[in-house]
Amino acid sequence: MKIEDGRKTLATREDLKRMGINVSRTTLLRWELNGRFPRRIRMGGTSVAWFMSEIQDWLADRADERTRTHYAEY
């Protein structure tokens, strides 16, 4: 589900999964606490979301990082 506030689109946990970010809630929280993933927005109760633009930027950074990473040849 995507929610628009006029400027920002929010991504839910289900949106993250559809985008290929299929990690546990614990891993997401650990990444956030270590500054390795955009911070969540508390929507109320236990509902959380993320700014879609920040998630897209994070994915673009991962793609850019991939172009700079060299793996050992076997």
C-alpha atoms as a PDB file:
ATOM      1  CA  MET A   1       0.000   0.000   0.000  1.00  0.00           C
ATOM      2  CA  LYS A   2       1.287   3.443  -0.871  1.00  0.00           C
ATOM      3  CA  ILE A   3       0.110   6.548   0.929  1.00  0.00           C
ATOM      4  CA  GLU A   4       0.579  10.009  -0.579  1.00  0.00           C
ATOM      5  CA  ASP A   5       0.759  13.149   1.527  1.00  0.00           C
ATOM      6  CA  GLY A   6       1.072  15.493  -1.458  1.00  0.00           C
ATOM      7  CA  ARG A   7       4.886  15.432  -1.489  1.00  0.00           C
ATOM      8  CA  LYS A   8       6.054  12.066  -0.185  1.00  0.00           C
ATOM      9  CA  THR A   9       5.061   8.508  -0.953  1.00  0.00           C
ATOM     10  CA  LEU A  10       5.344   6.013   1.879  1.00  0.00           C
ATOM     11  CA  ALA A  11       6.374   2.379   1.493  1.00  0.00           C
ATOM     12  CA  THR A  12       5.074  -0.353   3.783  1.00  0.00           C
ATOM     13  CA  ARG A  13       6.830  -3.583   4.730  1.00  0.00           C
ATOM     14  CA  GLU A  14       4.935  -5.320   1.899  1.00  0.00           C
ATOM     15  CA  ASP A  15       6.243  -2.726  -0.569  1.00  0.00           C
ATOM     16  CA  LEU A  16       9.793  -3.435   0.597  1.00  0.00           C
ATOM     17  CA  LYS A  17       9.276  -7.152  -0.052  1.00  0.00           C
ATOM     18  CA  ARG A  18       7.944  -6.434  -3.558  1.00  0.00           C
ATOM     19  CA  MET A  19      11.065  -4.332  -4.184  1.00  0.00           C
ATOM     20  CA  GLY A  20      13.272  -7.291  -3.273  1.00  0.00           C
ATOM     21  CA  ILE A  21      14.132  -6.171   0.261  1.00  0.00           C
ATOM     22  CA  ASN A  22      13.032  -9.419   1.837  1.00  0.00           C
ATOM     23  CA  VAL A  23      14.870  -9.498   5.158  1.00  0.00           C
ATOM     24  CA  SER A  24      13.567 -10.038   8.672  1.00  0.00           C
ATOM     25  CA  ARG A  25      12.173  -7.224  10.788  1.00  0.00           C
ATOM     26  CA  THR A  26      15.106  -7.700  13.149  1.00  0.00           C
ATOM     27  CA  THR A  27      17.604  -7.255  10.310  1.00  0.00           C
ATOM     28  CA  LEU A  28      15.846  -4.103   9.084  1.00  0.00           C
ATOM     29  CA  LEU A  29      15.872  -2.652  12.585  1.00  0.00           C
ATOM     30  CA  ARG A  30      19.565  -3.526  13.027  1.00  0.00           C
ATOM     31  CA  TRP A  31      20.408  -1.906   9.668  1.00  0.00           C
ATOM     32  CA  GLU A  32      18.461   1.221  10.647  1.00  0.00           C
ATOM     33  CA  LEU A  33      20.164   1.466  14.044  1.00  0.00           C
ATOM     34  CA  ASN A  34      23.572   1.151  12.353  1.00  0.00           C
ATOM     35  CA  GLY A  35      22.732   3.775   9.696  1.00  0.00           C
ATOM     36  CA  ARG A  36      22.740   1.185   6.898  1.00  0.00           C
ATOM     37  CA  PHE A  37      19.054   1.610   5.932  1.00  0.00           C
ATOM     38  CA  PRO A  38      16.622   4.565   5.952  1.00  0.00           C
ATOM     39  CA  ARG A  39      14.866   5.110   9.264  1.00  0.00           C
ATOM     40  CA  ARG A  40      11.242   4.125   9.608  1.00  0.00           C
ATOM     41  CA  ILE A  41       8.307   6.413  10.340  1.00  0.00           C
ATOM     42  CA  ARG A  42       5.992   5.288  13.111  1.00  0.00           C
ATOM     43  CA  MET A  43       2.443   5.551  11.760  1.00  0.00           C
ATOM     44  CA  GLY A  44       0.662   4.616  14.962  1.00  0.00           C
ATOM     45  CA  GLY A  45       0.562   1.550  17.124  1.00  0.00           C
ATOM     46  CA  THR A  46       2.874  -0.998  15.534  1.00  0.00           C
ATOM     47  CA  SER A  47       2.443   0.319  11.978  1.00  0.00           C
ATOM     48  CA  VAL A  48       5.567   1.679  10.318  1.00  0.00           C
ATOM     49  CA  ALA A  49       6.499   2.959   6.856  1.00  0.00           C
ATOM     50  CA  TRP A  50       9.492   4.421   5.031  1.00  0.00           C
ATOM     51  CA  PHE A  51       9.780   7.313   2.581  1.00  0.00           C
ATOM     52  CA  MET A  52       9.797   5.711  -0.872  1.00  0.00           C
ATOM     53  CA  SER A  53      12.345   8.246  -2.147  1.00  0.00           C
ATOM     54  CA  GLU A  54      14.796   7.216   0.598  1.00  0.00           C
ATOM     55  CA  ILE A  55      14.305   3.526  -0.233  1.00  0.00           C
ATOM     56  CA  GLN A  56      14.879   4.220  -3.945  1.00  0.00           C
ATOM     57  CA  ASP A  57      18.037   6.190  -3.107  1.00  0.00           C
ATOM     58  CA  TRP A  58      19.234   3.315  -0.890  1.00  0.00           C
ATOM     59  CA  LEU A  59      18.664   0.810  -3.731  1.00  0.00           C
ATOM     60  CA  ALA A  60      20.509   3.088  -6.176  1.00  0.00           C
ATOM     61  CA  ASP A  61      23.427   3.264  -3.727  1.00  0.00           C
ATOM     62  CA  ARG A  62      23.495  -0.558  -3.570  1.00  0.00           C
ATOM     63  CA  ALA A  63      23.576  -0.724  -7.381  1.00  0.00           C
ATOM     64  CA  ASP A  64      26.404   1.837  -7.480  1.00  0.00           C
ATOM     65  CA  GLU A  65      28.272  -0.068  -4.777  1.00  0.00           C
ATOM     66  CA  ARG A  66      27.990  -3.220  -6.887  1.00  0.00           C
ATOM     67  CA  THR A  67      29.786  -1.538  -9.799  1.00  0.00           C
ATOM     68  CA  ARG A  68      32.714  -0.633  -7.502  1.00  0.00           C
ATOM     69  CA  THR A  69      33.011  -4.045  -5.803  1.00  0.00           C
ATOM     70  CA  HIS A  70      35.436  -6.566  -7.216  1.00  0.00           C
ATOM     71  CA  TYR A  71      35.049 -10.184  -6.301  1.00  0.00           C
ATOM     72  CA  ALA A  72      37.828 -12.758  -6.327  1.00  0.00           C
ATOM     73  CA  GLU A  73      37.901 -14.881  -9.459  1.00  0.00           C
ATOM     74  CA  TYR A  74      37.752 -18.613  -8.958  1.00  0.00           C
END
